[in-house]
Amino acid sequence: MRAEKLSGRQLWVAAVTAGLSTAAATAGRADWRWMLPAVPAAVLVFRGVLKRMGTRPLFEGRRGAVLRILYGGWAVVLMAEALRRAAERLQSAAEGQWPIGLLMAVLSLPLLWMGWHKAAAFFRASEIFWLAAAVTVGAILAMGAFRVEGRYLFTPGPDWGASLLAGAEVLGVAVFLLPHIYKVAPAPGDERRGLTWLAGLGALASALAAMTAGMLSPAVASALDRPFFVTVGLLGSTARLEGLISALWLLPDLTFIGLLSRTWGETKWPAGAVLAALGLALTGWMAAFPAWAAPAGCVALVILTGALSGGGKK
């Protein structure tokens, strides 16, 4: 069966939108001065993996079957963590009026619908989500630029190791584009533009981390559960802004989980991935999920992809 064609822009827009989900989660537990210089290195690594892969389907052959299992299994873990994270944020905004299990189930409904359709429909929807997310992030950074205090901005924050892991967690979303690369019709300059999008995501994540530290101070930010959204609440005259941004941030959350679910394949398989993630999240095990595990798993996937994927064109 011929794979449906996608555009390079659709893939990279989806990655940047999805990456904003983890960028908000890592802001406050990473020093932006370590995150920002690490972006070029991450882009070079990803470029090397793309060269290694060529244009062959990632999950082709025996090695590809191993990668399919690894990608699918790790995607479910990250999806479950993202579901828990989004539900806890909404529960906090609603002052605990809704059970977290019910919130996770409700959040899964649009994901099940998205997973029931073809990949092209999901990536087209991601372009719309990106427009809303870009306006939101732009407004937040514009307002926050006038509230940042220099003494906090340049105060040492989390150590370099935690900061680099946080950057890897944000940029690691790009690894889940790799199963779709072969569906993109080659066009001159596509790789350069794609890597520019990836670098832009790293810059945005660093900017959100800098704004969070610059408004709260690194010490306060590291002591809070959701420092980025607390920071956003300080930008408005009432606490309603925090609740509004928490709701709008569901667009990156849904894009992130939807992108990961696509590692399970086409037809109805992505919906099955969502159900598996919901089941894992409802067990409560993700509450003990260590912060270092998500980026470490993504780094491992990048290394294994480079080792197991064959180079060359079809």
C-alpha atoms as a PDB file:
ATOM      1  CA  MET A   1       0.000   0.000   0.000  1.00  0.00           C
ATOM      2  CA  ARG A   2       1.365   3.428  -0.937  1.00  0.00           C
ATOM      3  CA  ALA A   3       1.962   5.669   2.051  1.00  0.00           C
ATOM      4  CA  GLU A   4       0.037   8.925   2.121  1.00  0.00           C
ATOM      5  CA  LYS A   5       2.297  11.875   1.432  1.00  0.00           C
ATOM      6  CA  LEU A   6       3.012  14.535   4.016  1.00  0.00           C
ATOM      7  CA  SER A   7       4.861  17.822   3.762  1.00  0.00           C
ATOM      8  CA  GLY A   8       8.015  18.557   5.691  1.00  0.00           C
ATOM      9  CA  ARG A   9       6.397  21.648   7.167  1.00  0.00           C
ATOM     10  CA  GLN A  10       3.519  19.592   8.584  1.00  0.00           C
ATOM     11  CA  LEU A  11       5.933  17.316  10.428  1.00  0.00           C
ATOM     12  CA  TRP A  12       8.073  20.074  11.895  1.00  0.00           C
ATOM     13  CA  VAL A  13       5.126  22.230  12.901  1.00  0.00           C
ATOM     14  CA  ALA A  14       3.706  19.224  14.756  1.00  0.00           C
ATOM     15  CA  ALA A  15       7.054  18.674  16.507  1.00  0.00           C
ATOM     16  CA  VAL A  16       7.337  22.301  17.646  1.00  0.00           C
ATOM     17  CA  THR A  17       3.734  22.387  18.872  1.00  0.00           C
ATOM     18  CA  ALA A  18       4.188  19.086  20.713  1.00  0.00           C
ATOM     19  CA  GLY A  19       7.506  20.258  22.142  1.00  0.00           C
ATOM     20  CA  LEU A  20       5.804  23.206  23.818  1.00  0.00           C
ATOM     21  CA  SER A  21       4.040  20.685  26.059  1.00  0.00           C
ATOM     22  CA  THR A  22       7.326  19.506  27.551  1.00  0.00           C
ATOM     23  CA  ALA A  23       8.867  22.996  27.377  1.00  0.00           C
ATOM     24  CA  ALA A  24       6.259  24.247  29.852  1.00  0.00           C
ATOM     25  CA  ALA A  25       6.823  21.212  32.071  1.00  0.00           C
ATOM     26  CA  THR A  26      10.609  21.682  32.190  1.00  0.00           C
ATOM     27  CA  ALA A  27      10.578  25.477  32.716  1.00  0.00           C
ATOM     28  CA  GLY A  28      11.666  26.078  36.283  1.00  0.00           C
ATOM     29  CA  ARG A  29      13.759  22.930  36.633  1.00  0.00           C
ATOM     30  CA  ALA A  30      16.368  23.880  34.037  1.00  0.00           C
ATOM     31  CA  ASP A  31      18.894  26.688  33.730  1.00  0.00           C
ATOM     32  CA  TRP A  32      18.296  28.417  30.405  1.00  0.00           C
ATOM     33  CA  ARG A  33      22.011  29.248  30.153  1.00  0.00           C
ATOM     34  CA  TRP A  34      22.753  25.543  29.757  1.00  0.00           C
ATOM     35  CA  MET A  35      19.716  24.744  27.619  1.00  0.00           C
ATOM     36  CA  LEU A  36      20.394  27.351  24.935  1.00  0.00           C
ATOM     37  CA  PRO A  37      23.996  26.366  24.047  1.00  0.00           C
ATOM     38  CA  ALA A  38      22.948  22.713  23.898  1.00  0.00           C
ATOM     39  CA  VAL A  39      20.491  23.385  21.059  1.00  0.00           C
ATOM     40  CA  PRO A  40      23.092  23.460  18.215  1.00  0.00           C
ATOM     41  CA  ALA A  41      24.585  20.184  19.441  1.00  0.00           C
ATOM     42  CA  ALA A  42      21.155  18.528  19.488  1.00  0.00           C
ATOM     43  CA  VAL A  43      20.434  19.788  15.971  1.00  0.00           C
ATOM     44  CA  LEU A  44      23.720  18.352  14.686  1.00  0.00           C
ATOM     45  CA  VAL A  45      22.978  14.980  16.289  1.00  0.00           C
ATOM     46  CA  PHE A  46      19.525  14.883  14.736  1.00  0.00           C
ATOM     47  CA  ARG A  47      20.966  15.828  11.355  1.00  0.00           C
ATOM     48  CA  GLY A  48      23.367  12.907  11.625  1.00  0.00           C
ATOM     49  CA  VAL A  49      20.511  10.509  12.366  1.00  0.00           C
ATOM     50  CA  LEU A  50      18.580  11.792   9.354  1.00  0.00           C
ATOM     51  CA  LYS A  51      21.607  11.199   7.131  1.00  0.00           C
ATOM     52  CA  ARG A  52      21.985   7.706   8.556  1.00  0.00           C
ATOM     53  CA  MET A  53      18.342   6.834   7.915  1.00  0.00           C
ATOM     54  CA  GLY A  54      18.151   8.016   4.326  1.00  0.00           C
ATOM     55  CA  THR A  55      14.616   7.760   2.945  1.00  0.00           C
ATOM     56  CA  ARG A  56      13.825   4.199   3.935  1.00  0.00           C
ATOM     57  CA  PRO A  57      10.880   3.492   6.266  1.00  0.00           C
ATOM     58  CA  LEU A  58      12.221   3.355   9.816  1.00  0.00           C
ATOM     59  CA  PHE A  59      10.323   0.215  10.768  1.00  0.00           C
ATOM     60  CA  GLU A  60      11.386  -1.825   7.746  1.00  0.00           C
ATOM     61  CA  GLY A  61      12.988  -5.266   8.161  1.00  0.00           C
ATOM     62  CA  ARG A  62      13.993  -7.107  11.325  1.00  0.00           C
ATOM     63  CA  ARG A  63      15.849  -4.189  12.833  1.00  0.00           C
ATOM     64  CA  GLY A  64      12.881  -2.009  12.030  1.00  0.00           C
ATOM     65  CA  ALA A  65      10.609  -4.410  13.886  1.00  0.00           C
ATOM     66  CA  VAL A  66      12.793  -4.017  16.985  1.00  0.00           C
ATOM     67  CA  LEU A  67      12.610  -0.236  16.637  1.00  0.00           C
ATOM     68  CA  ARG A  68       8.834  -0.401  16.237  1.00  0.00           C
ATOM     69  CA  ILE A  69       8.512  -2.199  19.574  1.00  0.00           C
ATOM     70  CA  LEU A  70      10.881   0.216  21.314  1.00  0.00           C
ATOM     71  CA  TYR A  71       9.194   3.300  19.899  1.00  0.00           C
ATOM     72  CA  GLY A  72       5.689   2.015  20.606  1.00  0.00           C
ATOM     73  CA  GLY A  73       6.447   0.956  24.161  1.00  0.00           C
ATOM     74  CA  TRP A  74       8.231   4.145  25.148  1.00  0.00           C
ATOM     75  CA  ALA A  75       5.565   6.260  23.466  1.00  0.00           C
ATOM     76  CA  VAL A  76       2.910   4.751  25.736  1.00  0.00           C
ATOM     77  CA  VAL A  77       4.955   5.633  28.827  1.00  0.00           C
ATOM     78  CA  LEU A  78       5.448   9.240  27.698  1.00  0.00           C
ATOM     79  CA  MET A  79       1.793   9.549  26.698  1.00  0.00           C
ATOM     80  CA  ALA A  80       0.679   8.339  30.118  1.00  0.00           C
ATOM     81  CA  GLU A  81       2.965  10.875  31.804  1.00  0.00           C
ATOM     82  CA  ALA A  82       1.633  13.673  29.585  1.00  0.00           C
ATOM     83  CA  LEU A  83      -1.965  12.683  30.347  1.00  0.00           C
ATOM     84  CA  ARG A  84      -1.248  12.745  34.073  1.00  0.00           C
ATOM     85  CA  ARG A  85       0.546  16.079  33.792  1.00  0.00           C
ATOM     86  CA  ALA A  86      -2.270  17.743  31.864  1.00  0.00           C
ATOM     87  CA  ALA A  87      -4.980  16.320  34.128  1.00  0.00           C
ATOM     88  CA  GLU A  88      -3.208  17.459  37.293  1.00  0.00           C
ATOM     89  CA  ARG A  89      -2.853  20.954  35.851  1.00  0.00           C
ATOM     90  CA  LEU A  90      -6.566  21.132  35.049  1.00  0.00           C
ATOM     91  CA  GLN A  91      -7.456  19.714  38.443  1.00  0.00           C
ATOM     92  CA  SER A  92      -5.390  22.449  40.086  1.00  0.00           C
ATOM     93  CA  ALA A  93      -7.058  25.137  37.968  1.00  0.00           C
ATOM     94  CA  ALA A  94     -10.473  23.742  38.969  1.00  0.00           C
ATOM     95  CA  GLU A  95      -9.396  23.730  42.644  1.00  0.00           C
ATOM     96  CA  GLY A  96      -9.686  19.956  42.902  1.00  0.00           C
ATOM     97  CA  GLN A  97     -13.372  19.763  42.002  1.00  0.00           C
ATOM     98  CA  TRP A  98     -12.868  16.935  39.477  1.00  0.00           C
ATOM     99  CA  PRO A  99     -11.253  13.513  40.057  1.00  0.00           C
ATOM    100  CA  ILE A 100      -8.001  13.200  38.165  1.00  0.00           C
ATOM    101  CA  GLY A 101      -9.024   9.851  36.669  1.00  0.00           C
ATOM    102  CA  LEU A 102     -12.136  11.403  35.148  1.00  0.00           C
ATOM    103  CA  LEU A 103     -10.090  14.285  33.740  1.00  0.00           C
ATOM    104  CA  MET A 104      -7.649  11.881  32.097  1.00  0.00           C
ATOM    105  CA  ALA A 105     -10.522   9.941  30.559  1.00  0.00           C
ATOM    106  CA  VAL A 106     -12.093  13.137  29.204  1.00  0.00           C
ATOM    107  CA  LEU A 107      -8.766  14.261  27.750  1.00  0.00           C
ATOM    108  CA  SER A 108      -8.455  10.894  26.003  1.00  0.00           C
ATOM    109  CA  LEU A 109     -11.690  11.350  24.040  1.00  0.00           C
ATOM    110  CA  PRO A 110     -10.356  13.817  21.441  1.00  0.00           C
ATOM    111  CA  LEU A 111      -7.170  11.742  21.233  1.00  0.00           C
ATOM    112  CA  LEU A 112      -9.185   8.630  20.422  1.00  0.00           C
ATOM    113  CA  TRP A 113     -10.959  10.558  17.683  1.00  0.00           C
ATOM    114  CA  MET A 114      -7.638  11.872  16.318  1.00  0.00           C
ATOM    115  CA  GLY A 115      -6.173   8.374  16.387  1.00  0.00           C
ATOM    116  CA  TRP A 116      -9.104   6.977  14.436  1.00  0.00           C
ATOM    117  CA  HIS A 117      -8.218   9.040  11.374  1.00  0.00           C
ATOM    118  CA  LYS A 118      -5.258   8.991   8.999  1.00  0.00           C
ATOM    119  CA  ALA A 119      -1.927  10.613   9.765  1.00  0.00           C
ATOM    120  CA  ALA A 120      -2.475  13.344   7.172  1.00  0.00           C
ATOM    121  CA  ALA A 121      -5.576  14.556   9.022  1.00  0.00           C
ATOM    122  CA  PHE A 122      -3.653  14.698  12.307  1.00  0.00           C
ATOM    123  CA  PHE A 123      -0.783  16.689  10.837  1.00  0.00           C
ATOM    124  CA  ARG A 124      -3.178  19.125   9.174  1.00  0.00           C
ATOM    125  CA  ALA A 125      -4.853  19.669  12.544  1.00  0.00           C
ATOM    126  CA  SER A 126      -1.425  20.249  14.094  1.00  0.00           C
ATOM    127  CA  GLU A 127      -0.903  23.194  11.750  1.00  0.00           C
ATOM    128  CA  ILE A 128      -4.053  24.811  13.153  1.00  0.00           C
ATOM    129  CA  PHE A 129      -2.980  24.051  16.727  1.00  0.00           C
ATOM    130  CA  TRP A 130       0.385  25.649  15.984  1.00  0.00           C
ATOM    131  CA  LEU A 131      -1.194  28.957  15.001  1.00  0.00           C
ATOM    132  CA  ALA A 132      -3.068  29.162  18.319  1.00  0.00           C
ATOM    133  CA  ALA A 133      -0.022  28.026  20.309  1.00  0.00           C
ATOM    134  CA  ALA A 134       2.285  30.504  18.569  1.00  0.00           C
ATOM    135  CA  VAL A 135      -0.011  33.429  19.363  1.00  0.00           C
ATOM    136  CA  THR A 136      -0.260  32.285  22.993  1.00  0.00           C
ATOM    137  CA  VAL A 137       3.499  31.857  23.440  1.00  0.00           C
ATOM    138  CA  GLY A 138       4.206  35.160  21.715  1.00  0.00           C
ATOM    139  CA  ALA A 139       1.813  37.019  24.008  1.00  0.00           C
ATOM    140  CA  ILE A 140       3.262  35.359  27.126  1.00  0.00           C
ATOM    141  CA  LEU A 141       6.851  36.199  26.202  1.00  0.00           C
ATOM    142  CA  ALA A 142       5.948  39.755  25.218  1.00  0.00           C
ATOM    143  CA  MET A 143       4.254  40.396  28.571  1.00  0.00           C
ATOM    144  CA  GLY A 144       6.886  38.537  30.560  1.00  0.00           C
ATOM    145  CA  ALA A 145       9.790  40.469  29.030  1.00  0.00           C
ATOM    146  CA  PHE A 146       8.803  43.538  31.068  1.00  0.00           C
ATOM    147  CA  ARG A 147       8.465  41.604  34.327  1.00  0.00           C
ATOM    148  CA  VAL A 148      11.776  39.748  34.360  1.00  0.00           C
ATOM    149  CA  GLU A 149      14.323  40.803  36.973  1.00  0.00           C
ATOM    150  CA  GLY A 150      17.942  40.702  35.866  1.00  0.00           C
ATOM    151  CA  ARG A 151      19.222  39.547  39.250  1.00  0.00           C
ATOM    152  CA  TYR A 152      17.040  36.453  39.024  1.00  0.00           C
ATOM    153  CA  LEU A 153      17.698  35.890  35.332  1.00  0.00           C
ATOM    154  CA  PHE A 154      21.427  35.437  35.881  1.00  0.00           C
ATOM    155  CA  THR A 155      21.259  33.724  39.257  1.00  0.00           C
ATOM    156  CA  PRO A 156      22.614  30.154  38.983  1.00  0.00           C
ATOM    157  CA  GLY A 157      19.771  27.672  38.768  1.00  0.00           C
ATOM    158  CA  PRO A 158      19.619  23.875  38.443  1.00  0.00           C
ATOM    159  CA  ASP A 159      22.939  22.231  37.615  1.00  0.00           C
ATOM    160  CA  TRP A 160      24.134  21.613  34.087  1.00  0.00           C
ATOM    161  CA  GLY A 161      23.140  17.936  34.117  1.00  0.00           C
ATOM    162  CA  ALA A 162      19.494  18.577  34.984  1.00  0.00           C
ATOM    163  CA  SER A 163      19.389  21.453  32.487  1.00  0.00           C
ATOM    164  CA  LEU A 164      20.788  19.384  29.623  1.00  0.00           C
ATOM    165  CA  LEU A 165      18.339  16.571  30.394  1.00  0.00           C
ATOM    166  CA  ALA A 166      15.474  19.068  30.344  1.00  0.00           C
ATOM    167  CA  GLY A 167      16.630  20.305  26.943  1.00  0.00           C
ATOM    168  CA  ALA A 168      16.853  16.728  25.683  1.00  0.00           C
ATOM    169  CA  GLU A 169      13.296  16.101  26.898  1.00  0.00           C
ATOM    170  CA  VAL A 170      11.987  19.048  24.879  1.00  0.00           C
ATOM    171  CA  LEU A 171      13.952  18.378  21.691  1.00  0.00           C
ATOM    172  CA  GLY A 172      13.499  14.632  22.044  1.00  0.00           C
ATOM    173  CA  VAL A 173       9.997  14.976  20.612  1.00  0.00           C
ATOM    174  CA  ALA A 174      11.647  15.200  17.179  1.00  0.00           C
ATOM    175  CA  VAL A 175      12.637  11.527  17.378  1.00  0.00           C
ATOM    176  CA  PHE A 176       8.963  10.634  16.972  1.00  0.00           C
ATOM    177  CA  LEU A 177       8.968  12.303  13.550  1.00  0.00           C
ATOM    178  CA  LEU A 178      11.416   9.728  12.241  1.00  0.00           C
ATOM    179  CA  PRO A 179       8.787   7.030  11.512  1.00  0.00           C
ATOM    180  CA  HIS A 180       7.097   9.530   9.144  1.00  0.00           C
ATOM    181  CA  ILE A 181      10.110  10.964   7.326  1.00  0.00           C
ATOM    182  CA  TYR A 182       9.803   8.556   4.405  1.00  0.00           C
ATOM    183  CA  LYS A 183       6.281   9.855   3.717  1.00  0.00           C
ATOM    184  CA  VAL A 184       7.577  13.335   2.908  1.00  0.00           C
ATOM    185  CA  ALA A 185       7.996  14.149  -0.770  1.00  0.00           C
ATOM    186  CA  PRO A 186      11.603  15.396  -1.095  1.00  0.00           C
ATOM    187  CA  ALA A 187      11.956  19.108  -1.775  1.00  0.00           C
ATOM    188  CA  PRO A 188      15.072  21.296  -1.942  1.00  0.00           C
ATOM    189  CA  GLY A 189      15.919  22.872   1.405  1.00  0.00           C
ATOM    190  CA  ASP A 190      13.498  20.721   3.419  1.00  0.00           C
ATOM    191  CA  GLU A 191      16.171  19.384   5.766  1.00  0.00           C
ATOM    192  CA  ARG A 192      17.603  22.845   6.449  1.00  0.00           C
ATOM    193  CA  ARG A 193      14.156  24.283   7.158  1.00  0.00           C
ATOM    194  CA  GLY A 194      13.299  21.346   9.402  1.00  0.00           C
ATOM    195  CA  LEU A 195      16.436  21.728  11.474  1.00  0.00           C
ATOM    196  CA  THR A 196      15.698  25.458  11.749  1.00  0.00           C
ATOM    197  CA  TRP A 197      12.286  24.596  13.221  1.00  0.00           C
ATOM    198  CA  LEU A 198      13.989  22.276  15.704  1.00  0.00           C
ATOM    199  CA  ALA A 199      16.449  24.994  16.711  1.00  0.00           C
ATOM    200  CA  GLY A 200      13.503  27.371  17.102  1.00  0.00           C
ATOM    201  CA  LEU A 201      11.845  24.941  19.508  1.00  0.00           C
ATOM    202  CA  GLY A 202      15.019  24.855  21.599  1.00  0.00           C
ATOM    203  CA  ALA A 203      15.135  28.651  21.633  1.00  0.00           C
ATOM    204  CA  LEU A 204      11.478  28.872  22.708  1.00  0.00           C
ATOM    205  CA  ALA A 205      12.012  26.359  25.511  1.00  0.00           C
ATOM    206  CA  SER A 206      15.046  28.330  26.708  1.00  0.00           C
ATOM    207  CA  ALA A 207      13.040  31.566  26.593  1.00  0.00           C
ATOM    208  CA  LEU A 208      10.223  30.068  28.686  1.00  0.00           C
ATOM    209  CA  ALA A 209      12.758  28.739  31.193  1.00  0.00           C
ATOM    210  CA  ALA A 210      14.462  32.150  31.352  1.00  0.00           C
ATOM    211  CA  MET A 211      11.167  33.977  31.887  1.00  0.00           C
ATOM    212  CA  THR A 212      10.133  31.568  34.657  1.00  0.00           C
ATOM    213  CA  ALA A 213      13.450  31.946  36.477  1.00  0.00           C
ATOM    214  CA  GLY A 214      13.561  35.692  35.874  1.00  0.00           C
ATOM    215  CA  MET A 215      10.159  36.298  37.421  1.00  0.00           C
ATOM    216  CA  LEU A 216      10.080  33.778  40.265  1.00  0.00           C
ATOM    217  CA  SER A 217      13.825  33.299  40.937  1.00  0.00           C
ATOM    218  CA  PRO A 218      15.432  29.882  40.384  1.00  0.00           C
ATOM    219  CA  ALA A 219      15.037  28.907  44.052  1.00  0.00           C
ATOM    220  CA  VAL A 220      11.294  29.554  44.127  1.00  0.00           C
ATOM    221  CA  ALA A 221      10.717  28.042  40.683  1.00  0.00           C
ATOM    222  CA  SER A 222      12.436  24.782  41.612  1.00  0.00           C
ATOM    223  CA  ALA A 223      10.252  24.478  44.725  1.00  0.00           C
ATOM    224  CA  LEU A 224       6.940  24.695  42.825  1.00  0.00           C
ATOM    225  CA  ASP A 225       5.080  21.920  41.020  1.00  0.00           C
ATOM    226  CA  ARG A 226       4.117  23.936  37.913  1.00  0.00           C
ATOM    227  CA  PRO A 227       6.299  27.043  38.013  1.00  0.00           C
ATOM    228  CA  PHE A 228       5.653  28.093  34.419  1.00  0.00           C
ATOM    229  CA  PHE A 229       1.903  28.354  34.934  1.00  0.00           C
ATOM    230  CA  VAL A 230       2.412  30.136  38.251  1.00  0.00           C
ATOM    231  CA  THR A 231       4.560  32.627  36.338  1.00  0.00           C
ATOM    232  CA  VAL A 232       1.839  33.098  33.740  1.00  0.00           C
ATOM    233  CA  GLY A 233      -0.636  33.800  36.532  1.00  0.00           C
ATOM    234  CA  LEU A 234       1.577  36.677  37.691  1.00  0.00           C
ATOM    235  CA  LEU A 235       1.309  38.337  34.286  1.00  0.00           C
ATOM    236  CA  GLY A 236      -2.382  39.127  34.771  1.00  0.00           C
ATOM    237  CA  SER A 237      -4.270  41.143  37.325  1.00  0.00           C
ATOM    238  CA  THR A 238      -6.244  38.058  38.458  1.00  0.00           C
ATOM    239  CA  ALA A 239      -5.614  34.332  38.795  1.00  0.00           C
ATOM    240  CA  ARG A 240      -7.899  33.656  35.830  1.00  0.00           C
ATOM    241  CA  LEU A 241      -5.030  34.043  33.370  1.00  0.00           C
ATOM    242  CA  GLU A 242      -3.319  30.957  34.791  1.00  0.00           C
ATOM    243  CA  GLY A 243      -6.472  28.899  34.284  1.00  0.00           C
ATOM    244  CA  LEU A 244      -6.924  30.246  30.751  1.00  0.00           C
ATOM    245  CA  ILE A 245      -3.360  29.420  29.704  1.00  0.00           C
ATOM    246  CA  SER A 246      -3.648  25.999  31.369  1.00  0.00           C
ATOM    247  CA  ALA A 247      -6.641  25.301  29.131  1.00  0.00           C
ATOM    248  CA  LEU A 248      -4.998  26.696  25.978  1.00  0.00           C
ATOM    249  CA  TRP A 249      -1.912  24.589  26.668  1.00  0.00           C
ATOM    250  CA  LEU A 250      -4.020  21.510  26.052  1.00  0.00           C
ATOM    251  CA  LEU A 251      -3.379  22.088  22.332  1.00  0.00           C
ATOM    252  CA  PRO A 252       0.360  21.312  22.677  1.00  0.00           C
ATOM    253  CA  ASP A 253      -0.492  18.470  25.085  1.00  0.00           C
ATOM    254  CA  LEU A 254      -2.913  16.880  22.618  1.00  0.00           C
ATOM    255  CA  THR A 255      -0.447  17.327  19.753  1.00  0.00           C
ATOM    256  CA  PHE A 256       2.327  15.719  21.817  1.00  0.00           C
ATOM    257  CA  ILE A 257       0.248  12.689  22.784  1.00  0.00           C
ATOM    258  CA  GLY A 258      -1.260  12.405  19.291  1.00  0.00           C
ATOM    259  CA  LEU A 259       2.181  12.461  17.657  1.00  0.00           C
ATOM    260  CA  LEU A 260       3.465   9.726  19.964  1.00  0.00           C
ATOM    261  CA  SER A 261       0.402   7.570  19.345  1.00  0.00           C
ATOM    262  CA  ARG A 262       1.248   7.569  15.626  1.00  0.00           C
ATOM    263  CA  THR A 263       4.248   5.324  16.305  1.00  0.00           C
ATOM    264  CA  TRP A 264       1.748   2.461  16.548  1.00  0.00           C
ATOM    265  CA  GLY A 265       0.933   2.722  12.839  1.00  0.00           C
ATOM    266  CA  GLU A 266      -2.140   3.596  10.828  1.00  0.00           C
ATOM    267  CA  THR A 267      -5.823   2.594  10.742  1.00  0.00           C
ATOM    268  CA  LYS A 268      -7.072   2.259  14.347  1.00  0.00           C
ATOM    269  CA  TRP A 269      -3.744   1.475  16.021  1.00  0.00           C
ATOM    270  CA  PRO A 270      -3.084   5.023  17.329  1.00  0.00           C
ATOM    271  CA  ALA A 271      -6.410   4.911  19.173  1.00  0.00           C
ATOM    272  CA  GLY A 272      -5.258   1.667  20.768  1.00  0.00           C
ATOM    273  CA  ALA A 273      -2.064   3.422  21.890  1.00  0.00           C
ATOM    274  CA  VAL A 274      -4.167   6.117  23.583  1.00  0.00           C
ATOM    275  CA  LEU A 275      -6.180   3.477  25.436  1.00  0.00           C
ATOM    276  CA  ALA A 276      -2.979   1.742  26.556  1.00  0.00           C
ATOM    277  CA  ALA A 277      -1.594   5.072  27.819  1.00  0.00           C
ATOM    278  CA  LEU A 278      -4.837   5.866  29.634  1.00  0.00           C
ATOM    279  CA  GLY A 279      -4.784   2.467  31.312  1.00  0.00           C
ATOM    280  CA  LEU A 280      -1.194   2.993  32.440  1.00  0.00           C
ATOM    281  CA  ALA A 281      -1.962   6.496  33.711  1.00  0.00           C
ATOM    282  CA  LEU A 282      -4.984   5.275  35.683  1.00  0.00           C
ATOM    283  CA  THR A 283      -2.827   2.790  37.597  1.00  0.00           C
ATOM    284  CA  GLY A 284      -1.150   5.712  39.360  1.00  0.00           C
ATOM    285  CA  TRP A 285       2.322   4.369  38.605  1.00  0.00           C
ATOM    286  CA  MET A 286       3.287   7.497  36.674  1.00  0.00           C
ATOM    287  CA  ALA A 287       3.287   9.509  39.899  1.00  0.00           C
ATOM    288  CA  ALA A 288       6.634   7.874  40.653  1.00  0.00           C
ATOM    289  CA  PHE A 289       8.013   8.547  37.154  1.00  0.00           C
ATOM    290  CA  PRO A 290      11.455  10.200  37.687  1.00  0.00           C
ATOM    291  CA  ALA A 291      12.169  13.459  35.853  1.00  0.00           C
ATOM    292  CA  TRP A 292      15.339  12.074  34.248  1.00  0.00           C
ATOM    293  CA  ALA A 293      13.626   9.049  32.691  1.00  0.00           C
ATOM    294  CA  ALA A 294      11.812  10.848  29.840  1.00  0.00           C
ATOM    295  CA  PRO A 295      14.880  12.550  28.338  1.00  0.00           C
ATOM    296  CA  ALA A 296      17.076   9.518  28.972  1.00  0.00           C
ATOM    297  CA  GLY A 297      14.635   7.329  27.059  1.00  0.00           C
ATOM    298  CA  CYS A 298      14.514   9.744  24.118  1.00  0.00           C
ATOM    299  CA  VAL A 299      18.325   9.936  23.981  1.00  0.00           C
ATOM    300  CA  ALA A 300      18.448   6.130  24.001  1.00  0.00           C
ATOM    301  CA  LEU A 301      15.967   6.022  21.100  1.00  0.00           C
ATOM    302  CA  VAL A 302      18.122   8.415  19.087  1.00  0.00           C
ATOM    303  CA  ILE A 303      21.208   6.266  19.676  1.00  0.00           C
ATOM    304  CA  LEU A 304      19.389   3.031  18.831  1.00  0.00           C
ATOM    305  CA  THR A 305      17.851   4.579  15.739  1.00  0.00           C
ATOM    306  CA  GLY A 306      21.275   5.578  14.478  1.00  0.00           C
ATOM    307  CA  ALA A 307      22.646   2.118  15.259  1.00  0.00           C
ATOM    308  CA  LEU A 308      19.809   0.001  13.846  1.00  0.00           C
ATOM    309  CA  SER A 309      18.528   2.011  10.889  1.00  0.00           C
ATOM    310  CA  GLY A 310      20.158   1.429   7.524  1.00  0.00           C
ATOM    311  CA  GLY A 311      21.376   4.302   5.411  1.00  0.00           C
ATOM    312  CA  GLY A 312      20.641   4.983   1.782  1.00  0.00           C
ATOM    313  CA  LYS A 313      17.623   5.665  -0.396  1.00  0.00           C
ATOM    314  CA  LYS A 314      14.837   3.393  -1.559  1.00  0.00           C
END
